[in-house]
Amino acid sequence: MHPSLRVCSARVHTPLIHFIGKRQWPAKPEPPHAHPAGPAEYKAHFSDFLKKFQYSRSQSVAPKKAEDDGHDVYQEFWQAPVRLWNPRVRELSEEEMEAVLSGGASLR
């Protein structure tokens, strides 16, 4: 090391960016709204979208009954009973694994 270079670089670094004020996060989340740069038709129909979204969220919590066979239809795997999705509870047979990997084509 050269001592002359160390003396020149001994000045204090001052960042070029300065933040104004203290960071403050809002206590409550902002209400949903359409993006300000979005098309006017999206802004006009945003309330309809929110109603459909809230309805679909409320419907996806409970399992649905399929109309044709009467079995439960789950939107997410964790809504199903643990015995169906936990691999430690039940091992798959070779035929079942082949059916899954082939997309059901090996069943016929």
N, C-alpha and C. Protein backbone atom coordinates (compact mmCIF):
# COMPACT_ATOMS: atom_id res chain seq x y z
N MET A 1 0.84 -1.18 0.00
CA MET A 1 0.00 0.00 0.00
C MET A 1 0.88 1.24 0.00
N HIS A 2 0.40 2.23 -0.62
CA HIS A 2 1.09 3.51 -0.66
C HIS A 2 0.42 4.46 0.33
N PRO A 3 1.17 4.99 1.30
CA PRO A 3 0.56 5.87 2.29
C PRO A 3 0.01 7.16 1.69
N SER A 4 0.54 7.62 0.61
CA SER A 4 0.05 8.87 0.04
C SER A 4 -1.36 8.71 -0.53
N LEU A 5 -1.68 7.54 -1.07
CA LEU A 5 -3.03 7.30 -1.59
C LEU A 5 -4.06 7.19 -0.47
N ARG A 6 -3.65 6.64 0.66
CA ARG A 6 -4.57 6.50 1.78
C ARG A 6 -4.92 7.85 2.39
N VAL A 7 -4.01 8.77 2.38
CA VAL A 7 -4.28 10.09 2.93
C VAL A 7 -5.28 10.84 2.06
N CYS A 8 -5.18 10.67 0.75
CA CYS A 8 -6.08 11.35 -0.17
C CYS A 8 -7.50 10.80 -0.08
N SER A 9 -7.65 9.50 0.21
CA SER A 9 -8.99 8.90 0.23
C SER A 9 -9.57 8.87 1.63
N ALA A 10 -9.03 9.63 2.57
CA ALA A 10 -9.51 9.61 3.95
C ALA A 10 -10.69 10.53 4.17
N ARG A 11 -11.19 11.20 3.17
CA ARG A 11 -12.32 12.10 3.38
C ARG A 11 -13.61 11.29 3.63
N VAL A 12 -14.55 11.89 4.26
CA VAL A 12 -15.81 11.24 4.62
C VAL A 12 -16.71 11.19 3.39
N HIS A 13 -17.31 10.04 3.17
CA HIS A 13 -18.23 9.88 2.02
C HIS A 13 -19.59 10.48 2.37
N THR A 14 -20.07 11.34 1.55
CA THR A 14 -21.42 11.89 1.72
C THR A 14 -22.26 11.40 0.53
N PRO A 15 -23.38 10.73 0.82
CA PRO A 15 -24.21 10.21 -0.27
C PRO A 15 -24.82 11.34 -1.09
N LEU A 16 -25.10 11.05 -2.36
CA LEU A 16 -25.68 12.05 -3.26
C LEU A 16 -27.19 12.15 -3.12
N ILE A 17 -27.82 11.17 -2.49
CA ILE A 17 -29.27 11.18 -2.35
C ILE A 17 -29.63 11.60 -0.93
N HIS A 18 -30.65 12.43 -0.80
CA HIS A 18 -31.10 12.90 0.50
C HIS A 18 -32.60 12.64 0.62
N PHE A 19 -33.01 12.04 1.73
CA PHE A 19 -34.41 11.78 1.99
C PHE A 19 -34.98 12.90 2.85
N ILE A 20 -36.18 13.32 2.52
CA ILE A 20 -36.83 14.40 3.25
C ILE A 20 -37.82 13.79 4.22
N GLY A 21 -37.70 14.10 5.47
CA GLY A 21 -38.67 13.66 6.47
C GLY A 21 -38.47 12.22 6.89
N LYS A 22 -39.27 11.81 7.87
CA LYS A 22 -39.22 10.47 8.42
C LYS A 22 -40.21 9.58 7.68
N ARG A 23 -39.86 8.33 7.52
CA ARG A 23 -40.78 7.38 6.87
C ARG A 23 -41.98 7.13 7.76
N GLN A 24 -43.15 7.24 7.21
CA GLN A 24 -44.38 6.99 7.96
C GLN A 24 -45.28 6.11 7.11
N TRP A 25 -45.69 4.99 7.67
CA TRP A 25 -46.58 4.07 6.97
C TRP A 25 -48.01 4.35 7.41
N PRO A 26 -48.97 4.27 6.51
CA PRO A 26 -50.36 4.53 6.90
C PRO A 26 -50.87 3.46 7.86
N ALA A 27 -51.75 3.87 8.77
CA ALA A 27 -52.30 2.94 9.75
C ALA A 27 -53.26 1.95 9.11
N LYS A 28 -54.04 2.38 8.11
CA LYS A 28 -54.98 1.50 7.43
C LYS A 28 -54.60 1.42 5.96
N PRO A 29 -54.89 0.28 5.32
CA PRO A 29 -54.58 0.20 3.89
C PRO A 29 -55.48 1.14 3.08
N GLU A 30 -54.96 1.53 1.97
CA GLU A 30 -55.71 2.42 1.07
C GLU A 30 -56.87 1.65 0.46
N PRO A 31 -58.04 2.27 0.30
CA PRO A 31 -59.16 1.54 -0.31
C PRO A 31 -58.84 1.21 -1.77
N PRO A 32 -59.32 0.07 -2.27
CA PRO A 32 -59.04 -0.30 -3.65
C PRO A 32 -59.60 0.71 -4.64
N HIS A 33 -58.82 0.98 -5.66
CA HIS A 33 -59.26 1.91 -6.70
C HIS A 33 -58.58 1.52 -8.01
N ALA A 34 -59.14 1.99 -9.10
CA ALA A 34 -58.55 1.71 -10.41
C ALA A 34 -57.24 2.47 -10.55
N HIS A 35 -56.34 1.94 -11.34
CA HIS A 35 -55.06 2.60 -11.56
C HIS A 35 -55.29 3.95 -12.22
N PRO A 36 -54.60 5.00 -11.77
CA PRO A 36 -54.83 6.33 -12.34
C PRO A 36 -54.53 6.42 -13.83
N ALA A 37 -53.58 5.62 -14.31
CA ALA A 37 -53.23 5.68 -15.73
C ALA A 37 -54.03 4.67 -16.56
N GLY A 38 -54.98 3.97 -15.93
CA GLY A 38 -55.78 2.99 -16.65
C GLY A 38 -56.80 3.64 -17.57
N PRO A 39 -57.35 2.85 -18.48
CA PRO A 39 -58.36 3.38 -19.39
C PRO A 39 -59.61 3.84 -18.63
N ALA A 40 -60.32 4.75 -19.20
CA ALA A 40 -61.51 5.32 -18.56
C ALA A 40 -62.59 4.26 -18.34
N GLU A 41 -62.70 3.29 -19.26
CA GLU A 41 -63.73 2.26 -19.09
C GLU A 41 -63.43 1.37 -17.88
N TYR A 42 -62.17 1.14 -17.57
CA TYR A 42 -61.82 0.38 -16.37
C TYR A 42 -62.20 1.16 -15.12
N LYS A 43 -61.95 2.46 -15.14
CA LYS A 43 -62.29 3.29 -13.99
C LYS A 43 -63.80 3.33 -13.78
N ALA A 44 -64.56 3.37 -14.87
CA ALA A 44 -66.02 3.45 -14.77
C ALA A 44 -66.62 2.16 -14.22
N HIS A 45 -66.01 1.00 -14.52
CA HIS A 45 -66.57 -0.29 -14.11
C HIS A 45 -65.78 -0.94 -12.98
N PHE A 46 -64.96 -0.19 -12.28
CA PHE A 46 -64.15 -0.78 -11.22
C PHE A 46 -65.00 -1.28 -10.06
N SER A 47 -66.07 -0.59 -9.74
CA SER A 47 -66.94 -1.04 -8.64
C SER A 47 -67.59 -2.38 -8.97
N ASP A 48 -67.95 -2.61 -10.24
CA ASP A 48 -68.49 -3.91 -10.64
C ASP A 48 -67.45 -5.01 -10.46
N PHE A 49 -66.22 -4.69 -10.82
CA PHE A 49 -65.13 -5.65 -10.65
C PHE A 49 -64.95 -6.02 -9.19
N LEU A 50 -64.99 -5.02 -8.29
CA LEU A 50 -64.82 -5.29 -6.87
C LEU A 50 -65.93 -6.19 -6.33
N LYS A 51 -67.16 -5.96 -6.78
CA LYS A 51 -68.27 -6.80 -6.34
C LYS A 51 -68.07 -8.25 -6.77
N LYS A 52 -67.65 -8.45 -8.03
CA LYS A 52 -67.41 -9.81 -8.53
C LYS A 52 -66.24 -10.46 -7.80
N PHE A 53 -65.21 -9.68 -7.52
CA PHE A 53 -64.04 -10.20 -6.82
C PHE A 53 -64.41 -10.63 -5.40
N GLN A 54 -65.15 -9.80 -4.67
CA GLN A 54 -65.56 -10.15 -3.31
C GLN A 54 -66.46 -11.38 -3.32
N TYR A 55 -67.35 -11.48 -4.31
CA TYR A 55 -68.23 -12.63 -4.41
C TYR A 55 -67.43 -13.91 -4.67
N SER A 56 -66.45 -13.83 -5.58
CA SER A 56 -65.66 -15.02 -5.89
C SER A 56 -64.80 -15.43 -4.71
N ARG A 57 -64.30 -14.47 -3.93
CA ARG A 57 -63.52 -14.82 -2.74
C ARG A 57 -64.39 -15.50 -1.70
N SER A 58 -65.62 -15.03 -1.53
CA SER A 58 -66.50 -15.64 -0.54
C SER A 58 -66.94 -17.03 -0.98
N GLN A 59 -67.04 -17.28 -2.27
CA GLN A 59 -67.43 -18.59 -2.77
C GLN A 59 -66.29 -19.59 -2.72
N SER A 60 -65.04 -19.14 -2.81
CA SER A 60 -63.92 -20.07 -2.87
C SER A 60 -63.52 -20.59 -1.50
N VAL A 61 -64.08 -20.06 -0.42
CA VAL A 61 -63.71 -20.52 0.92
C VAL A 61 -64.29 -21.90 1.19
N ALA A 62 -65.52 -22.12 0.82
CA ALA A 62 -66.17 -23.40 1.08
C ALA A 62 -66.06 -24.30 -0.16
N PRO A 63 -65.91 -25.63 0.06
CA PRO A 63 -65.86 -26.51 -1.11
C PRO A 63 -67.20 -26.55 -1.82
N LYS A 64 -67.15 -26.72 -3.12
CA LYS A 64 -68.36 -26.76 -3.93
C LYS A 64 -68.69 -28.20 -4.28
N LYS A 65 -69.95 -28.46 -4.49
CA LYS A 65 -70.39 -29.77 -4.94
C LYS A 65 -70.45 -29.77 -6.45
N ALA A 66 -69.83 -30.76 -7.05
CA ALA A 66 -69.93 -30.89 -8.50
C ALA A 66 -71.34 -31.36 -8.83
N GLU A 67 -71.90 -30.82 -9.88
CA GLU A 67 -73.30 -31.11 -10.20
C GLU A 67 -73.49 -32.52 -10.75
N ASP A 68 -72.48 -33.03 -11.46
CA ASP A 68 -72.70 -34.31 -12.14
C ASP A 68 -72.47 -35.52 -11.24
N ASP A 69 -71.48 -35.49 -10.34
CA ASP A 69 -71.21 -36.69 -9.57
C ASP A 69 -71.37 -36.53 -8.06
N GLY A 70 -71.62 -35.32 -7.55
CA GLY A 70 -71.86 -35.12 -6.14
C GLY A 70 -70.61 -35.08 -5.28
N HIS A 71 -69.41 -35.06 -5.87
CA HIS A 71 -68.18 -34.99 -5.10
C HIS A 71 -67.81 -33.54 -4.83
N ASP A 72 -67.04 -33.33 -3.75
CA ASP A 72 -66.58 -31.98 -3.44
C ASP A 72 -65.53 -31.53 -4.44
N VAL A 73 -65.58 -30.26 -4.81
CA VAL A 73 -64.59 -29.66 -5.69
C VAL A 73 -63.91 -28.56 -4.89
N TYR A 74 -62.58 -28.66 -4.75
CA TYR A 74 -61.82 -27.70 -3.95
C TYR A 74 -61.05 -26.76 -4.86
N GLN A 75 -61.05 -25.47 -4.49
CA GLN A 75 -60.30 -24.48 -5.26
C GLN A 75 -58.81 -24.55 -4.96
N GLU A 76 -58.43 -24.85 -3.73
CA GLU A 76 -57.04 -24.94 -3.29
C GLU A 76 -56.82 -26.29 -2.63
N PHE A 77 -55.59 -26.81 -2.73
CA PHE A 77 -55.35 -28.16 -2.22
C PHE A 77 -55.50 -28.24 -0.71
N TRP A 78 -55.23 -27.15 0.02
CA TRP A 78 -55.31 -27.22 1.47
C TRP A 78 -56.75 -27.23 1.98
N GLN A 79 -57.72 -26.98 1.12
CA GLN A 79 -59.12 -27.06 1.53
C GLN A 79 -59.59 -28.51 1.57
N ALA A 80 -58.89 -29.36 0.86
CA ALA A 80 -59.24 -30.77 0.85
C ALA A 80 -58.78 -31.43 2.15
N PRO A 81 -59.35 -32.57 2.51
CA PRO A 81 -58.90 -33.27 3.71
C PRO A 81 -57.42 -33.63 3.61
N VAL A 82 -56.76 -33.66 4.75
CA VAL A 82 -55.31 -33.90 4.78
C VAL A 82 -54.96 -35.25 4.16
N ARG A 83 -55.81 -36.22 4.28
CA ARG A 83 -55.51 -37.55 3.74
C ARG A 83 -55.36 -37.54 2.22
N LEU A 84 -55.90 -36.51 1.55
CA LEU A 84 -55.82 -36.47 0.10
C LEU A 84 -54.57 -35.76 -0.40
N TRP A 85 -54.00 -34.85 0.37
CA TRP A 85 -52.86 -34.08 -0.14
C TRP A 85 -51.58 -34.25 0.65
N ASN A 86 -51.61 -34.88 1.81
CA ASN A 86 -50.40 -35.08 2.59
C ASN A 86 -49.72 -36.37 2.15
N PRO A 87 -48.51 -36.30 1.58
CA PRO A 87 -47.86 -37.50 1.05
C PRO A 87 -47.43 -38.47 2.14
N ARG A 88 -47.28 -38.02 3.39
CA ARG A 88 -46.88 -38.94 4.46
C ARG A 88 -48.03 -39.82 4.90
N VAL A 89 -49.25 -39.42 4.61
CA VAL A 89 -50.41 -40.19 5.05
C VAL A 89 -50.64 -41.37 4.12
N ARG A 90 -50.44 -41.17 2.83
CA ARG A 90 -50.77 -42.22 1.87
C ARG A 90 -49.76 -42.21 0.74
N GLU A 91 -49.21 -43.35 0.41
CA GLU A 91 -48.27 -43.47 -0.69
C GLU A 91 -49.04 -43.79 -1.98
N LEU A 92 -48.57 -43.27 -3.10
CA LEU A 92 -49.20 -43.54 -4.38
C LEU A 92 -48.66 -44.84 -4.97
N SER A 93 -49.53 -45.57 -5.63
CA SER A 93 -49.09 -46.79 -6.31
C SER A 93 -48.46 -46.41 -7.65
N GLU A 94 -47.79 -47.36 -8.28
CA GLU A 94 -47.16 -47.12 -9.58
C GLU A 94 -48.20 -46.74 -10.63
N GLU A 95 -49.37 -47.38 -10.59
CA GLU A 95 -50.42 -47.07 -11.56
C GLU A 95 -50.94 -45.64 -11.39
N GLU A 96 -51.09 -45.23 -10.12
CA GLU A 96 -51.56 -43.87 -9.87
C GLU A 96 -50.53 -42.83 -10.33
N MET A 97 -49.25 -43.10 -10.08
CA MET A 97 -48.20 -42.17 -10.52
C MET A 97 -48.16 -42.09 -12.05
N GLU A 98 -48.31 -43.23 -12.72
CA GLU A 98 -48.32 -43.24 -14.17
C GLU A 98 -49.52 -42.47 -14.73
N ALA A 99 -50.66 -42.60 -14.08
CA ALA A 99 -51.85 -41.86 -14.50
C ALA A 99 -51.66 -40.37 -14.34
N VAL A 100 -51.04 -39.95 -13.25
CA VAL A 100 -50.79 -38.53 -13.03
C VAL A 100 -49.80 -37.99 -14.04
N LEU A 101 -48.71 -38.71 -14.27
CA LEU A 101 -47.67 -38.24 -15.19
C LEU A 101 -48.15 -38.20 -16.64
N SER A 102 -49.06 -39.09 -16.98
CA SER A 102 -49.55 -39.10 -18.37
C SER A 102 -50.76 -38.18 -18.57
N GLY A 103 -51.22 -37.53 -17.51
CA GLY A 103 -52.35 -36.65 -17.61
C GLY A 103 -53.67 -37.40 -17.72
N GLY A 104 -53.68 -38.64 -17.28
CA GLY A 104 -54.90 -39.45 -17.33
C GLY A 104 -55.03 -40.28 -18.57
N ALA A 105 -54.08 -40.16 -19.50
CA ALA A 105 -54.16 -40.89 -20.76
C ALA A 105 -53.92 -42.39 -20.56
N SER A 106 -53.22 -42.77 -19.51
CA SER A 106 -52.91 -44.20 -19.30
C SER A 106 -54.07 -44.95 -18.68
N LEU A 107 -55.12 -44.26 -18.27
CA LEU A 107 -56.25 -44.92 -17.65
C LEU A 107 -57.14 -45.64 -18.65
N ARG A 108 -57.08 -45.29 -19.90
CA ARG A 108 -57.97 -45.87 -20.89
C ARG A 108 -57.27 -46.92 -21.69
